[in-house]
Amino acid sequence: MSETEAMLAPPGGSAALESEATLWRRLRRDNDPAAREELVRRYIPFARRLAARYRSGVEPFDDLVQVAHLGLINAIDRFDPERGAPFPGYATPTILGELKRHFRDRSWTVRIPRGAHDLLARVEPVIAKLTVELQRAPSVPEIAAALEADPSEVLDALHAAQNRKTLSLDRPVDDEDDGGSSAEWIGGEDHGYELVDDWLSVEAAIHALDERERRVVQMRFAEDRVQSQIADALGCSQMQVSRILRKALQKLREAGEGVVPAEQG
């Protein structure tokens, strides 16, 4: 018996096969949880051998075994013994599929929904096929028609493929040695931080002004109005606005220790 045949053979020989048939009947007819548990127990070594195919130093083997167990349970819950197919042959692609999805999910830096993963696995071969047939890149509606899928779902899967990997900020922005890294081109120095202390001082000092003075200061500096516009809004002369503004700024300088600049004009 070859290694593959030994792995796919039901555990325990013909006697165990008869007992297993009884377990399947109990599970399918009576939904017996004890029968399900016994079937899982018997096929755990089988799932473990399949997990060993993907054993490497990258993923802990215990994690792979857990993934294989999940695939085994799914296979047991879906298997119909009345169709006559042997369970190991039915379960193998289910378990291997779970293991492949596990590696695919872990290899993507950006996690996306499982549905997009599964659809993308169907999209990529269809794109390759249509590209050969059409002698050009297929459109999203053409891909969706070939898959009998919604175009918006295909578009989501394609966007997921584009964003499956993050880019390092240390990568060069071009092929030139002096191009610099991406991080050097992101953002810049914000000189507004230098004004934070000044604005905090002004905010604390503003209470030294009366209501009319606060209104003039707000229109002049917050709303950036000129003195003539302030005069029109208040119904007074520009000269009066100038006097109010000078007085207000003097109060602010005294209260804020000179952080307020002199009014120009």
C-alpha atoms as a PDB file:
ATOM      1  CA  MET A   1       0.000   0.000   0.000  1.00  0.00           C
ATOM      2  CA  SER A   2       1.387   3.393  -0.986  1.00  0.00           C
ATOM      3  CA  GLU A   3       1.783   6.264   1.468  1.00  0.00           C
ATOM      4  CA  THR A   4      -1.153   8.089  -0.155  1.00  0.00           C
ATOM      5  CA  GLU A   5      -3.396   5.018   0.053  1.00  0.00           C
ATOM      6  CA  ALA A   6      -2.416   4.498   3.677  1.00  0.00           C
ATOM      7  CA  MET A   7      -3.300   8.084   4.494  1.00  0.00           C
ATOM      8  CA  LEU A   8      -6.693   7.887   2.785  1.00  0.00           C
ATOM      9  CA  ALA A   9      -7.627   4.470   4.188  1.00  0.00           C
ATOM     10  CA  PRO A  10     -10.229   4.504   6.999  1.00  0.00           C
ATOM     11  CA  PRO A  11      -8.564   3.841  10.338  1.00  0.00           C
ATOM     12  CA  GLY A  12      -8.829   0.387  11.808  1.00  0.00           C
ATOM     13  CA  GLY A  13      -9.606  -1.857   8.789  1.00  0.00           C
ATOM     14  CA  SER A  14     -12.921  -3.497   7.795  1.00  0.00           C
ATOM     15  CA  ALA A  15     -14.222  -3.870  11.353  1.00  0.00           C
ATOM     16  CA  ALA A  16     -13.731  -0.186  11.914  1.00  0.00           C
ATOM     17  CA  LEU A  17     -15.426   0.504   8.556  1.00  0.00           C
ATOM     18  CA  GLU A  18     -18.583  -1.273   9.697  1.00  0.00           C
ATOM     19  CA  SER A  19     -18.531   0.607  12.977  1.00  0.00           C
ATOM     20  CA  GLU A  20     -17.981   3.876  11.118  1.00  0.00           C
ATOM     21  CA  ALA A  21     -20.993   3.210   8.913  1.00  0.00           C
ATOM     22  CA  THR A  22     -23.058   2.904  12.070  1.00  0.00           C
ATOM     23  CA  LEU A  23     -21.667   6.202  13.309  1.00  0.00           C
ATOM     24  CA  TRP A  24     -22.624   7.939  10.066  1.00  0.00           C
ATOM     25  CA  ARG A  25     -26.163   6.535  10.308  1.00  0.00           C
ATOM     26  CA  ARG A  26     -26.489   7.775  13.893  1.00  0.00           C
ATOM     27  CA  LEU A  27     -25.190  11.197  12.910  1.00  0.00           C
ATOM     28  CA  ARG A  28     -27.365  11.659   9.822  1.00  0.00           C
ATOM     29  CA  ARG A  29     -30.514   9.978  11.155  1.00  0.00           C
ATOM     30  CA  ASP A  30     -30.483  11.075  14.788  1.00  0.00           C
ATOM     31  CA  ASN A  31     -28.065  14.008  14.685  1.00  0.00           C
ATOM     32  CA  ASP A  32     -26.224  12.206  17.477  1.00  0.00           C
ATOM     33  CA  PRO A  33     -23.481  14.493  18.903  1.00  0.00           C
ATOM     34  CA  ALA A  34     -21.649  11.502  20.373  1.00  0.00           C
ATOM     35  CA  ALA A  35     -21.363   9.941  16.907  1.00  0.00           C
ATOM     36  CA  ARG A  36     -20.051  13.225  15.499  1.00  0.00           C
ATOM     37  CA  GLU A  37     -17.494  13.473  18.281  1.00  0.00           C
ATOM     38  CA  GLU A  38     -16.298   9.921  17.675  1.00  0.00           C
ATOM     39  CA  LEU A  39     -15.920  10.539  13.933  1.00  0.00           C
ATOM     40  CA  VAL A  40     -13.882  13.643  14.640  1.00  0.00           C
ATOM     41  CA  ARG A  41     -11.684  11.703  17.066  1.00  0.00           C
ATOM     42  CA  ARG A  42     -11.050   8.928  14.564  1.00  0.00           C
ATOM     43  CA  TYR A  43     -10.057  11.272  11.737  1.00  0.00           C
ATOM     44  CA  ILE A  44      -7.901  13.668  13.735  1.00  0.00           C
ATOM     45  CA  PRO A  45      -4.720  11.742  12.787  1.00  0.00           C
ATOM     46  CA  PHE A  46      -5.806  11.953   9.142  1.00  0.00           C
ATOM     47  CA  ALA A  47      -6.254  15.759   9.398  1.00  0.00           C
ATOM     48  CA  ARG A  48      -2.929  16.040  11.185  1.00  0.00           C
ATOM     49  CA  ARG A  49      -1.136  14.241   8.332  1.00  0.00           C
ATOM     50  CA  LEU A  50      -2.639  16.677   5.844  1.00  0.00           C
ATOM     51  CA  ALA A  51      -1.511  19.623   7.998  1.00  0.00           C
ATOM     52  CA  ALA A  52       2.003  18.183   7.981  1.00  0.00           C
ATOM     53  CA  ARG A  53       2.186  18.821   4.231  1.00  0.00           C
ATOM     54  CA  TYR A  54       2.355  22.542   5.000  1.00  0.00           C
ATOM     55  CA  ARG A  55       4.717  22.245   7.924  1.00  0.00           C
ATOM     56  CA  SER A  56       7.460  24.874   7.870  1.00  0.00           C
ATOM     57  CA  GLY A  57       9.275  27.226  10.183  1.00  0.00           C
ATOM     58  CA  VAL A  58       6.968  30.104   9.267  1.00  0.00           C
ATOM     59  CA  GLU A  59       3.726  28.891  10.851  1.00  0.00           C
ATOM     60  CA  PRO A  60       3.567  26.936  14.141  1.00  0.00           C
ATOM     61  CA  PHE A  61       2.526  23.374  13.441  1.00  0.00           C
ATOM     62  CA  ASP A  62      -0.078  23.466  16.229  1.00  0.00           C
ATOM     63  CA  ASP A  63      -1.810  26.334  14.394  1.00  0.00           C
ATOM     64  CA  LEU A  64      -1.884  24.305  11.202  1.00  0.00           C
ATOM     65  CA  VAL A  65      -3.362  21.351  13.061  1.00  0.00           C
ATOM     66  CA  GLN A  66      -6.128  23.556  14.431  1.00  0.00           C
ATOM     67  CA  VAL A  67      -6.925  24.799  10.927  1.00  0.00           C
ATOM     68  CA  ALA A  68      -6.996  21.208   9.653  1.00  0.00           C
ATOM     69  CA  HIS A  69      -9.346  20.239  12.497  1.00  0.00           C
ATOM     70  CA  LEU A  70     -11.702  23.022  11.437  1.00  0.00           C
ATOM     71  CA  GLY A  71     -11.683  21.676   7.891  1.00  0.00           C
ATOM     72  CA  LEU A  72     -12.311  18.171   9.206  1.00  0.00           C
ATOM     73  CA  ILE A  73     -15.342  19.268  11.216  1.00  0.00           C
ATOM     74  CA  ASN A  74     -16.755  21.126   8.212  1.00  0.00           C
ATOM     75  CA  ALA A  75     -16.283  18.039   6.058  1.00  0.00           C
ATOM     76  CA  ILE A  76     -18.015  15.783   8.605  1.00  0.00           C
ATOM     77  CA  ASP A  77     -20.969  18.160   8.847  1.00  0.00           C
ATOM     78  CA  ARG A  78     -21.399  18.240   5.035  1.00  0.00           C
ATOM     79  CA  PHE A  79     -20.609  14.624   4.131  1.00  0.00           C
ATOM     80  CA  ASP A  80     -23.409  12.430   2.802  1.00  0.00           C
ATOM     81  CA  PRO A  81     -22.436   8.737   3.163  1.00  0.00           C
ATOM     82  CA  GLU A  82     -25.359   7.613   0.999  1.00  0.00           C
ATOM     83  CA  ARG A  83     -23.605   8.933  -2.110  1.00  0.00           C
ATOM     84  CA  GLY A  84     -21.106   6.086  -1.781  1.00  0.00           C
ATOM     85  CA  ALA A  85     -17.916   8.175  -1.865  1.00  0.00           C
ATOM     86  CA  PRO A  86     -15.291   7.436   0.820  1.00  0.00           C
ATOM     87  CA  PHE A  87     -15.077  10.120   3.463  1.00  0.00           C
ATOM     88  CA  PRO A  88     -11.273  10.644   3.241  1.00  0.00           C
ATOM     89  CA  GLY A  89     -11.563  11.410  -0.462  1.00  0.00           C
ATOM     90  CA  TYR A  90     -14.339  13.919   0.272  1.00  0.00           C
ATOM     91  CA  ALA A  91     -12.598  15.510   3.250  1.00  0.00           C
ATOM     92  CA  THR A  92      -9.154  15.960   1.710  1.00  0.00           C
ATOM     93  CA  PRO A  93      -9.967  18.980  -0.539  1.00  0.00           C
ATOM     94  CA  THR A  94     -11.991  20.577   2.255  1.00  0.00           C
ATOM     95  CA  ILE A  95      -9.147  20.340   4.757  1.00  0.00           C
ATOM     96  CA  LEU A  96      -6.493  21.393   2.241  1.00  0.00           C
ATOM     97  CA  GLY A  97      -8.690  24.311   1.215  1.00  0.00           C
ATOM     98  CA  GLU A  98      -8.797  25.561   4.804  1.00  0.00           C
ATOM     99  CA  LEU A  99      -5.012  25.269   5.052  1.00  0.00           C
ATOM    100  CA  LYS A 100      -4.488  27.162   1.784  1.00  0.00           C
ATOM    101  CA  ARG A 101      -6.849  29.935   2.894  1.00  0.00           C
ATOM    102  CA  HIS A 102      -4.990  30.131   6.185  1.00  0.00           C
ATOM    103  CA  PHE A 103      -1.685  30.744   4.428  1.00  0.00           C
ATOM    104  CA  ARG A 104      -3.265  33.188   1.994  1.00  0.00           C
ATOM    105  CA  ASP A 105      -4.851  35.183   4.829  1.00  0.00           C
ATOM    106  CA  ARG A 106      -1.638  35.260   6.816  1.00  0.00           C
ATOM    107  CA  SER A 107       0.479  36.276   3.826  1.00  0.00           C
ATOM    108  CA  TRP A 108      -1.566  39.414   3.173  1.00  0.00           C
ATOM    109  CA  THR A 109      -0.436  42.398   5.202  1.00  0.00           C
ATOM    110  CA  VAL A 110      -3.871  44.024   4.953  1.00  0.00           C
ATOM    111  CA  ARG A 111      -6.729  41.820   6.138  1.00  0.00           C
ATOM    112  CA  ILE A 112      -9.848  41.866   3.981  1.00  0.00           C
ATOM    113  CA  PRO A 113     -13.147  39.956   4.204  1.00  0.00           C
ATOM    114  CA  ARG A 114     -13.095  36.263   3.357  1.00  0.00           C
ATOM    115  CA  GLY A 115     -15.664  36.800   0.591  1.00  0.00           C
ATOM    116  CA  ALA A 116     -13.281  39.084  -1.286  1.00  0.00           C
ATOM    117  CA  HIS A 117     -10.501  36.492  -0.867  1.00  0.00           C
ATOM    118  CA  ASP A 118     -12.642  33.710  -2.310  1.00  0.00           C
ATOM    119  CA  LEU A 119     -13.935  35.788  -5.202  1.00  0.00           C
ATOM    120  CA  LEU A 120     -10.436  36.971  -6.066  1.00  0.00           C
ATOM    121  CA  ALA A 121      -9.313  33.348  -6.360  1.00  0.00           C
ATOM    122  CA  ARG A 122     -11.951  32.938  -9.096  1.00  0.00           C
ATOM    123  CA  VAL A 123     -11.335  36.333 -10.694  1.00  0.00           C
ATOM    124  CA  GLU A 124      -7.623  35.920 -11.406  1.00  0.00           C
ATOM    125  CA  PRO A 125      -7.862  32.826 -13.688  1.00  0.00           C
ATOM    126  CA  VAL A 126     -10.850  34.354 -15.495  1.00  0.00           C
ATOM    127  CA  ILE A 127      -8.850  37.521 -16.186  1.00  0.00           C
ATOM    128  CA  ALA A 128      -6.024  35.421 -17.624  1.00  0.00           C
ATOM    129  CA  LYS A 129      -8.455  33.455 -19.807  1.00  0.00           C
ATOM    130  CA  LEU A 130     -10.326  36.522 -21.098  1.00  0.00           C
ATOM    131  CA  THR A 131      -7.086  38.379 -21.789  1.00  0.00           C
ATOM    132  CA  VAL A 132      -6.050  35.604 -24.173  1.00  0.00           C
ATOM    133  CA  GLU A 133      -9.485  35.421 -25.806  1.00  0.00           C
ATOM    134  CA  LEU A 134     -10.006  39.172 -26.187  1.00  0.00           C
ATOM    135  CA  GLN A 135      -6.354  40.091 -26.802  1.00  0.00           C
ATOM    136  CA  ARG A 136      -6.761  42.881 -24.260  1.00  0.00           C
ATOM    137  CA  ALA A 137      -7.458  43.380 -20.580  1.00  0.00           C
ATOM    138  CA  PRO A 138     -11.098  42.493 -19.834  1.00  0.00           C
ATOM    139  CA  SER A 139     -13.459  45.048 -18.294  1.00  0.00           C
ATOM    140  CA  VAL A 140     -15.141  44.564 -14.936  1.00  0.00           C
ATOM    141  CA  PRO A 141     -18.558  43.823 -16.546  1.00  0.00           C
ATOM    142  CA  GLU A 142     -16.922  41.200 -18.783  1.00  0.00           C
ATOM    143  CA  ILE A 143     -15.259  39.537 -15.795  1.00  0.00           C
ATOM    144  CA  ALA A 144     -18.513  39.662 -13.827  1.00  0.00           C
ATOM    145  CA  ALA A 145     -20.446  38.111 -16.739  1.00  0.00           C
ATOM    146  CA  ALA A 146     -17.944  35.259 -17.023  1.00  0.00           C
ATOM    147  CA  LEU A 147     -18.237  34.578 -13.282  1.00  0.00           C
ATOM    148  CA  GLU A 148     -21.991  35.235 -13.124  1.00  0.00           C
ATOM    149  CA  ALA A 149     -21.206  37.633 -10.293  1.00  0.00           C
ATOM    150  CA  ASP A 150     -22.184  41.185  -9.415  1.00  0.00           C
ATOM    151  CA  PRO A 151     -19.821  43.747 -11.027  1.00  0.00           C
ATOM    152  CA  SER A 152     -19.541  45.665  -7.744  1.00  0.00           C
ATOM    153  CA  GLU A 153     -18.297  42.522  -5.980  1.00  0.00           C
ATOM    154  CA  VAL A 154     -15.723  41.925  -8.730  1.00  0.00           C
ATOM    155  CA  LEU A 155     -14.571  45.526  -8.400  1.00  0.00           C
ATOM    156  CA  ASP A 156     -14.217  45.121  -4.621  1.00  0.00           C
ATOM    157  CA  ALA A 157     -12.111  41.987  -5.139  1.00  0.00           C
ATOM    158  CA  LEU A 158      -9.850  43.797  -7.633  1.00  0.00           C
ATOM    159  CA  HIS A 159      -9.390  46.700  -5.220  1.00  0.00           C
ATOM    160  CA  ALA A 160      -8.535  44.197  -2.485  1.00  0.00           C
ATOM    161  CA  ALA A 161      -5.876  42.669  -4.737  1.00  0.00           C
ATOM    162  CA  GLN A 162      -4.311  46.076  -5.316  1.00  0.00           C
ATOM    163  CA  ASN A 163      -4.170  46.788  -1.597  1.00  0.00           C
ATOM    164  CA  ARG A 164      -3.131  43.380  -0.286  1.00  0.00           C
ATOM    165  CA  LYS A 165       0.392  44.588   0.494  1.00  0.00           C
ATOM    166  CA  THR A 166       1.518  47.710   2.305  1.00  0.00           C
ATOM    167  CA  LEU A 167       4.439  49.725   0.941  1.00  0.00           C
ATOM    168  CA  SER A 168       7.439  50.536   3.089  1.00  0.00           C
ATOM    169  CA  LEU A 169       8.045  54.202   3.796  1.00  0.00           C
ATOM    170  CA  ASP A 170      11.742  53.460   3.348  1.00  0.00           C
ATOM    171  CA  ARG A 171      11.348  52.474  -0.307  1.00  0.00           C
ATOM    172  CA  PRO A 172      12.818  54.950  -2.856  1.00  0.00           C
ATOM    173  CA  VAL A 173      10.342  57.134  -4.697  1.00  0.00           C
ATOM    174  CA  ASP A 174      12.088  56.382  -8.007  1.00  0.00           C
ATOM    175  CA  ASP A 175      14.999  54.463  -9.437  1.00  0.00           C
ATOM    176  CA  GLU A 176      17.471  57.284  -8.867  1.00  0.00           C
ATOM    177  CA  ASP A 177      19.864  56.948  -5.954  1.00  0.00           C
ATOM    178  CA  ASP A 178      19.144  60.481  -4.817  1.00  0.00           C
ATOM    179  CA  GLY A 179      15.385  60.177  -5.091  1.00  0.00           C
ATOM    180  CA  GLY A 180      14.975  59.830  -1.347  1.00  0.00           C
ATOM    181  CA  SER A 181      12.485  57.628   0.503  1.00  0.00           C
ATOM    182  CA  SER A 182       8.713  57.952   0.532  1.00  0.00           C
ATOM    183  CA  ALA A 183       8.800  59.064   4.153  1.00  0.00           C
ATOM    184  CA  GLU A 184      10.839  62.110   3.180  1.00  0.00           C
ATOM    185  CA  TRP A 185       8.094  63.246   0.802  1.00  0.00           C
ATOM    186  CA  ILE A 186       5.185  62.859   3.219  1.00  0.00           C
ATOM    187  CA  GLY A 187       4.023  65.863   5.189  1.00  0.00           C
ATOM    188  CA  GLY A 188       6.165  68.781   6.232  1.00  0.00           C
ATOM    189  CA  GLU A 189       6.933  71.047   9.114  1.00  0.00           C
ATOM    190  CA  ASP A 190       3.805  72.645  10.555  1.00  0.00           C
ATOM    191  CA  HIS A 191       4.694  76.143  11.660  1.00  0.00           C
ATOM    192  CA  GLY A 192       1.292  76.438  13.295  1.00  0.00           C
ATOM    193  CA  TYR A 193       2.654  74.636  16.325  1.00  0.00           C
ATOM    194  CA  GLU A 194       4.771  77.686  17.056  1.00  0.00           C
ATOM    195  CA  LEU A 195       1.591  79.711  17.485  1.00  0.00           C
ATOM    196  CA  VAL A 196      -0.073  77.382  19.976  1.00  0.00           C
ATOM    197  CA  ASP A 197       1.375  79.040  23.056  1.00  0.00           C
ATOM    198  CA  ASP A 198       0.533  82.475  21.676  1.00  0.00           C
ATOM    199  CA  TRP A 199      -3.054  81.503  20.970  1.00  0.00           C
ATOM    200  CA  LEU A 200      -3.428  80.006  24.437  1.00  0.00           C
ATOM    201  CA  SER A 201      -2.141  83.248  25.947  1.00  0.00           C
ATOM    202  CA  VAL A 202      -4.536  85.317  23.834  1.00  0.00           C
ATOM    203  CA  GLU A 203      -7.436  83.048  24.762  1.00  0.00           C
ATOM    204  CA  ALA A 204      -6.686  83.565  28.446  1.00  0.00           C
ATOM    205  CA  ALA A 205      -6.272  87.334  27.980  1.00  0.00           C
ATOM    206  CA  ILE A 206      -9.416  87.874  25.906  1.00  0.00           C
ATOM    207  CA  HIS A 207     -11.492  87.999  29.080  1.00  0.00           C
ATOM    208  CA  ALA A 208      -9.862  91.332  29.885  1.00  0.00           C
ATOM    209  CA  LEU A 209     -11.847  92.940  27.036  1.00  0.00           C
ATOM    210  CA  ASP A 210     -15.406  94.193  27.161  1.00  0.00           C
ATOM    211  CA  GLU A 211     -18.005  92.849  24.764  1.00  0.00           C
ATOM    212  CA  ARG A 212     -17.506  95.560  22.101  1.00  0.00           C
ATOM    213  CA  GLU A 213     -13.721  95.201  22.150  1.00  0.00           C
ATOM    214  CA  ARG A 214     -13.999  91.415  21.770  1.00  0.00           C
ATOM    215  CA  ARG A 215     -16.315  91.907  18.816  1.00  0.00           C
ATOM    216  CA  VAL A 216     -13.890  94.273  17.089  1.00  0.00           C
ATOM    217  CA  VAL A 217     -10.929  91.953  17.691  1.00  0.00           C
ATOM    218  CA  GLN A 218     -12.914  89.003  16.342  1.00  0.00           C
ATOM    219  CA  MET A 219     -13.942  90.821  13.154  1.00  0.00           C
ATOM    220  CA  ARG A 220     -10.426  92.200  12.596  1.00  0.00           C
ATOM    221  CA  PHE A 221      -8.338  89.059  13.227  1.00  0.00           C
ATOM    222  CA  ALA A 222     -10.708  86.070  13.060  1.00  0.00           C
ATOM    223  CA  GLU A 223     -12.846  87.321  10.171  1.00  0.00           C
ATOM    224  CA  ASP A 224     -10.027  89.326   8.544  1.00  0.00           C
ATOM    225  CA  ARG A 225     -12.119  92.453   7.985  1.00  0.00           C
ATOM    226  CA  VAL A 226     -10.568  95.864   7.424  1.00  0.00           C
ATOM    227  CA  GLN A 227     -11.415  98.745   9.737  1.00  0.00           C
ATOM    228  CA  SER A 228     -13.866 100.342   7.286  1.00  0.00           C
ATOM    229  CA  GLN A 229     -15.859  97.110   7.096  1.00  0.00           C
ATOM    230  CA  ILE A 230     -15.905  96.852  10.897  1.00  0.00           C
ATOM    231  CA  ALA A 231     -17.118 100.440  11.131  1.00  0.00           C
ATOM    232  CA  ASP A 232     -19.986  99.713   8.734  1.00  0.00           C
ATOM    233  CA  ALA A 233     -20.964  96.615  10.714  1.00  0.00           C
ATOM    234  CA  LEU A 234     -20.943  98.474  14.050  1.00  0.00           C
ATOM    235  CA  GLY A 235     -22.473 101.695  12.714  1.00  0.00           C
ATOM    236  CA  CYS A 236     -19.586 103.914  13.825  1.00  0.00           C
ATOM    237  CA  SER A 237     -16.639 105.717  12.247  1.00  0.00           C
ATOM    238  CA  GLN A 238     -13.387 104.105  11.200  1.00  0.00           C
ATOM    239  CA  MET A 239     -11.596 106.391  13.679  1.00  0.00           C
ATOM    240  CA  GLN A 240     -13.656 104.935  16.518  1.00  0.00           C
ATOM    241  CA  VAL A 241     -12.834 101.423  15.363  1.00  0.00           C
ATOM    242  CA  SER A 242      -9.135 102.309  15.314  1.00  0.00           C
ATOM    243  CA  ARG A 243      -9.283 103.619  18.891  1.00  0.00           C
ATOM    244  CA  ILE A 244     -11.222 100.562  20.126  1.00  0.00           C
ATOM    245  CA  LEU A 245      -8.756  98.253  18.441  1.00  0.00           C
ATOM    246  CA  ARG A 246      -5.668 100.000  19.851  1.00  0.00           C
ATOM    247  CA  LYS A 247      -7.143  99.905  23.348  1.00  0.00           C
ATOM    248  CA  ALA A 248      -8.091  96.241  23.009  1.00  0.00           C
ATOM    249  CA  LEU A 249      -4.664  95.255  21.755  1.00  0.00           C
ATOM    250  CA  GLN A 250      -2.973  97.110  24.575  1.00  0.00           C
ATOM    251  CA  LYS A 251      -5.097  95.211  27.086  1.00  0.00           C
ATOM    252  CA  LEU A 252      -4.213  91.944  25.417  1.00  0.00           C
ATOM    253  CA  ARG A 253      -0.486  92.728  25.435  1.00  0.00           C
ATOM    254  CA  GLU A 254      -0.574  93.546  29.115  1.00  0.00           C
ATOM    255  CA  ALA A 255      -2.610  90.457  29.989  1.00  0.00           C
ATOM    256  CA  GLY A 256      -0.747  88.136  27.616  1.00  0.00           C
ATOM    257  CA  GLU A 257       2.795  89.366  28.237  1.00  0.00           C
ATOM    258  CA  GLY A 258       3.288  90.911  24.820  1.00  0.00           C
ATOM    259  CA  VAL A 259       2.274  88.024  22.552  1.00  0.00           C
ATOM    260  CA  VAL A 260      -0.136  90.125  20.470  1.00  0.00           C
ATOM    261  CA  PRO A 261       1.359  91.920  17.455  1.00  0.00           C
ATOM    262  CA  ALA A 262       0.717  95.568  16.787  1.00  0.00           C
ATOM    263  CA  GLU A 263      -2.156  96.456  14.499  1.00  0.00           C
ATOM    264  CA  GLN A 264      -1.040  97.569  11.068  1.00  0.00           C
ATOM    265  CA  GLY A 265      -3.211 100.279   9.584  1.00  0.00           C
END
